[in-house]
Amino acid sequence: RLTPLTRNNGPLVIVIDGLDEWVSPTRFQVLNEFARQIIDQHDARIKVVVSCKDTEWDNVMTYRDTPSQFVLGLAESYKISIGHFNQEEANAALCKYQAEFRVNGHATDRIVQFCRDPFLLRVLAEVYEGQALPSEATAPDILYAYLRKRFRLGGISMELGMETLTAVARLMAEQGQPAVRVSDVRKALRLTGIEPIPPDLFRDNILQWKTADHEQIGFY
């Protein structure tokens, strides 16, 4: 199992990245079994690092109000929240993203401020991949360009994509909730029994299942 890997090689670090992007309906059960196996090893040299959006942590770590073994069983656990970059971090991260995505040009102060949000930095890099940074651009401009690109790559019409996102946003505003029932969204979109909500919206992390039973959705 895992212990032999640490016997002659020192500590074993297991990294699980983007746990909130795992949409399997059996996620909670699989995590519990994984945590149980780690606990049963009784080996302090085995370390587990998990990354997840801070706003989704409680949703990922509970199922029907039951905490997972990650919370109950892993005694020495430390939670670190990473917020927005400061000015220096944003500049450094932007340089790395420009190199990776082949984005040319000098970033204006407005662009750097936009990039203080790690998610929006990634959005910017994807929108302007292989191109030059704009001299001026607002957050709505860049987000709209990102959606247009994702819709095109996913084969979703701009009309259907925006209609779906607008329906979800409107229901969230009306209900005052961060997630809405799938049945309400389907009704708003007038979908038939076999028509799905565009799956590429979930694959591209624009929409996200908010419950393991896939009964509620919201924005990523």
Protein backbone atom coordinates (compact mmCIF):
# COMPACT_ATOMS: atom_id res chain seq x y z
CA ARG A 1 0.00 0.00 0.00
CA LEU A 2 1.21 3.52 0.81
CA THR A 3 3.54 2.89 3.76
CA PRO A 4 6.15 0.95 1.69
CA LEU A 5 6.52 4.06 -0.46
CA THR A 6 7.70 6.03 2.56
CA ARG A 7 9.95 3.35 4.02
CA ASN A 8 13.07 4.25 2.05
CA ASN A 9 11.97 7.48 0.39
CA GLY A 10 10.98 9.79 3.23
CA PRO A 11 7.59 11.57 3.45
CA LEU A 12 4.91 10.90 0.84
CA VAL A 13 2.87 13.96 -0.17
CA ILE A 14 -0.44 13.36 -1.97
CA VAL A 15 -1.82 16.44 -3.73
CA ILE A 16 -5.50 16.65 -4.74
CA ASP A 17 -6.01 19.81 -6.78
CA GLY A 18 -9.36 21.44 -7.62
CA LEU A 19 -11.52 19.21 -5.43
CA ASP A 20 -14.53 21.45 -6.06
CA GLU A 21 -14.28 20.71 -9.80
CA TRP A 22 -14.87 17.00 -9.24
CA VAL A 23 -18.58 16.54 -10.01
CA SER A 24 -18.95 12.78 -9.50
CA PRO A 25 -22.10 11.91 -7.51
CA THR A 26 -19.98 9.44 -5.48
CA ARG A 27 -17.36 12.05 -4.57
CA PHE A 28 -18.23 12.11 -0.88
CA GLN A 29 -18.08 8.33 -0.54
CA VAL A 30 -14.79 8.07 -2.45
CA LEU A 31 -13.23 10.81 -0.30
CA ASN A 32 -14.37 9.09 2.87
CA GLU A 33 -12.84 5.79 1.80
CA PHE A 34 -9.60 7.52 0.79
CA ALA A 35 -9.41 9.32 4.14
CA ARG A 36 -10.10 6.07 6.01
CA GLN A 37 -7.25 4.34 4.19
CA ILE A 38 -4.86 7.18 5.03
CA ILE A 39 -5.91 7.12 8.69
CA ASP A 40 -5.54 3.33 8.89
CA GLN A 41 -1.90 3.61 7.79
CA HIS A 42 -0.97 5.29 11.11
CA ASP A 43 1.98 6.80 9.26
CA ALA A 44 2.77 10.45 10.02
CA ARG A 45 5.02 10.58 6.97
CA ILE A 46 1.98 10.49 4.66
CA LYS A 47 0.76 14.03 4.03
CA VAL A 48 -2.32 15.11 2.07
CA VAL A 49 -2.66 18.54 0.42
CA VAL A 50 -6.11 19.47 -0.90
CA SER A 51 -7.00 22.59 -2.89
CA CYS A 52 -10.53 23.90 -3.25
CA LYS A 53 -12.34 27.21 -3.69
CA ASP A 54 -12.83 28.59 -0.18
CA THR A 55 -16.49 29.31 -0.92
CA GLU A 56 -17.02 25.63 -1.79
CA TRP A 57 -15.08 24.02 1.07
CA ASP A 58 -18.08 23.35 3.32
CA ASN A 59 -20.11 22.03 0.38
CA VAL A 60 -17.31 19.67 -0.66
CA MET A 61 -16.62 18.43 2.86
CA THR A 62 -20.21 17.67 3.86
CA TYR A 63 -23.03 15.59 2.41
CA ARG A 64 -26.56 16.02 3.72
CA ASP A 65 -25.14 17.82 6.77
CA THR A 66 -22.72 14.95 7.50
CA PRO A 67 -19.01 15.95 7.73
CA SER A 68 -16.58 13.86 5.72
CA GLN A 69 -13.70 11.84 7.16
CA PHE A 70 -11.38 14.57 5.85
CA VAL A 71 -12.83 16.81 8.55
CA LEU A 72 -13.37 14.23 11.31
CA GLY A 73 -10.48 11.83 10.88
CA LEU A 74 -7.46 13.76 9.73
CA ALA A 75 -6.48 15.24 13.08
CA GLU A 76 -3.54 17.44 12.13
CA SER A 77 -5.19 19.54 9.47
CA TYR A 78 -4.44 23.12 8.52
CA LYS A 79 -6.63 25.32 6.37
CA ILE A 80 -5.03 28.19 4.49
CA SER A 81 -7.17 30.65 2.53
CA ILE A 82 -5.57 32.39 -0.43
CA GLY A 83 -7.32 35.61 -1.32
CA HIS A 84 -6.55 38.24 -3.93
CA PHE A 85 -2.97 38.97 -4.93
CA ASN A 86 -1.35 42.15 -3.71
CA GLN A 87 0.17 44.48 -6.30
CA GLU A 88 3.57 42.77 -6.34
CA GLU A 89 2.06 39.27 -6.52
CA ALA A 90 -0.30 40.30 -9.33
CA ASN A 91 2.59 41.67 -11.41
CA ALA A 92 4.66 38.52 -10.86
CA ALA A 93 1.76 36.18 -11.66
CA LEU A 94 0.81 38.17 -14.76
CA CYS A 95 4.38 37.89 -16.11
CA LYS A 96 4.26 34.11 -15.73
CA TYR A 97 0.87 33.86 -17.40
CA GLN A 98 1.99 36.09 -20.25
CA ALA A 99 4.93 33.77 -20.88
CA GLU A 100 2.83 30.60 -20.66
CA PHE A 101 -0.04 31.86 -22.85
CA ARG A 102 2.18 33.92 -25.18
CA VAL A 103 0.38 37.16 -24.31
CA ASN A 104 2.38 40.19 -25.47
CA GLY A 105 2.36 43.81 -24.45
CA HIS A 106 2.60 45.96 -21.33
CA ALA A 107 -0.16 45.69 -18.75
CA THR A 108 -1.87 48.92 -17.73
CA ASP A 109 -2.65 49.63 -14.08
CA ARG A 110 -6.28 48.70 -14.73
CA ILE A 111 -5.27 45.32 -16.16
CA VAL A 112 -2.98 44.63 -13.18
CA GLN A 113 -5.83 45.45 -10.78
CA PHE A 114 -8.05 43.06 -12.72
CA CYS A 115 -5.39 40.35 -12.33
CA ARG A 116 -5.34 40.58 -8.54
CA ASP A 117 -8.15 38.01 -8.67
CA PRO A 118 -6.45 34.68 -9.59
CA PHE A 119 -9.50 33.42 -11.47
CA LEU A 120 -9.79 36.59 -13.53
CA LEU A 121 -6.06 36.41 -14.30
CA ARG A 122 -6.65 33.00 -15.88
CA VAL A 123 -9.64 34.39 -17.79
CA LEU A 124 -7.51 37.24 -19.14
CA ALA A 125 -4.76 34.85 -20.25
CA GLU A 126 -7.21 32.58 -22.08
CA VAL A 127 -8.96 35.46 -23.83
CA TYR A 128 -5.72 37.04 -25.12
CA GLU A 129 -3.71 33.86 -25.71
CA GLY A 130 -1.29 34.47 -28.59
CA GLN A 131 -2.35 38.12 -28.79
CA ALA A 132 -1.40 41.49 -27.32
CA LEU A 133 -2.92 42.86 -24.14
CA PRO A 134 -5.47 45.64 -24.77
CA SER A 135 -4.52 49.16 -23.81
CA GLU A 136 -7.86 49.55 -22.06
CA ALA A 137 -10.45 46.92 -21.14
CA THR A 138 -13.09 46.66 -18.43
CA ALA A 139 -13.89 43.55 -16.42
CA PRO A 140 -17.26 43.09 -18.23
CA ASP A 141 -15.47 43.34 -21.62
CA ILE A 142 -12.98 40.61 -20.71
CA LEU A 143 -15.58 38.33 -19.13
CA TYR A 144 -17.87 38.68 -22.13
CA ALA A 145 -14.98 37.84 -24.47
CA TYR A 146 -14.16 34.80 -22.30
CA LEU A 147 -17.74 33.52 -22.45
CA ARG A 148 -17.87 34.09 -26.21
CA LYS A 149 -14.68 32.03 -26.64
CA ARG A 150 -15.83 29.20 -24.35
CA PHE A 151 -19.22 29.03 -26.08
CA ARG A 152 -17.55 28.83 -29.49
CA LEU A 153 -15.17 26.07 -28.41
CA GLY A 154 -18.03 24.14 -26.81
CA GLY A 155 -20.31 24.47 -29.81
CA ILE A 156 -22.85 26.49 -27.82
CA SER A 157 -24.60 29.37 -29.53
CA MET A 158 -24.11 32.75 -27.89
CA GLU A 159 -27.88 33.08 -27.59
CA LEU A 160 -28.33 29.75 -25.77
CA GLY A 161 -25.30 30.28 -23.54
CA MET A 162 -26.31 33.74 -22.41
CA GLU A 163 -29.96 32.74 -22.02
CA THR A 164 -28.91 29.90 -19.70
CA LEU A 165 -26.58 32.04 -17.58
CA THR A 166 -29.14 34.84 -17.40
CA ALA A 167 -31.82 32.41 -16.22
CA VAL A 168 -29.57 31.09 -13.46
CA ALA A 169 -28.56 34.61 -12.38
CA ARG A 170 -32.15 35.84 -12.36
CA LEU A 171 -33.33 32.92 -10.23
CA MET A 172 -30.44 33.41 -7.80
CA ALA A 173 -31.36 37.09 -7.44
CA GLU A 174 -35.08 36.37 -7.00
CA GLN A 175 -34.49 33.63 -4.42
CA GLY A 176 -31.55 35.32 -2.71
CA GLN A 177 -29.59 32.09 -2.79
CA PRO A 178 -26.11 31.12 -4.13
CA ALA A 179 -27.60 28.03 -5.79
CA VAL A 180 -30.92 27.27 -7.48
CA ARG A 181 -32.87 24.13 -8.24
CA VAL A 182 -32.22 22.50 -11.60
CA SER A 183 -35.97 22.07 -12.06
CA ASP A 184 -36.45 25.85 -11.78
CA VAL A 185 -33.74 26.49 -14.37
CA ARG A 186 -35.21 23.93 -16.76
CA LYS A 187 -38.64 25.54 -16.35
CA ALA A 188 -37.23 29.01 -17.02
CA LEU A 189 -35.49 27.74 -20.17
CA ARG A 190 -38.57 25.77 -21.25
CA LEU A 191 -36.52 22.58 -21.68
CA THR A 192 -38.23 19.29 -22.48
CA GLY A 193 -37.65 16.13 -20.47
CA ILE A 194 -34.66 14.99 -22.53
CA GLU A 195 -33.02 18.36 -23.23
CA PRO A 196 -30.02 18.94 -20.92
CA ILE A 197 -28.70 22.20 -19.60
CA PRO A 198 -25.64 22.67 -21.86
CA PRO A 199 -23.05 20.30 -20.30
CA ASP A 200 -20.09 22.35 -21.57
CA LEU A 201 -21.09 25.11 -19.15
CA PHE A 202 -20.18 22.70 -16.34
CA ARG A 203 -17.12 21.26 -18.05
CA ASP A 204 -15.69 24.76 -18.52
CA ASN A 205 -16.41 25.69 -14.87
CA ILE A 206 -18.86 28.43 -15.74
CA LEU A 207 -21.73 26.68 -13.99
CA GLN A 208 -21.22 24.17 -11.20
CA TRP A 209 -23.23 21.47 -9.49
CA LYS A 210 -23.68 22.66 -5.92
CA THR A 211 -24.97 19.39 -4.46
CA ALA A 212 -23.77 15.82 -4.94
CA ASP A 213 -27.24 14.73 -6.08
CA HIS A 214 -27.11 17.29 -8.94
CA GLU A 215 -30.32 18.95 -7.79
CA GLN A 216 -28.89 22.48 -7.45
CA ILE A 217 -26.56 24.55 -9.60
CA GLY A 218 -24.83 27.92 -9.38
CA PHE A 219 -21.89 29.81 -10.80
CA TYR A 220 -18.33 28.59 -10.38
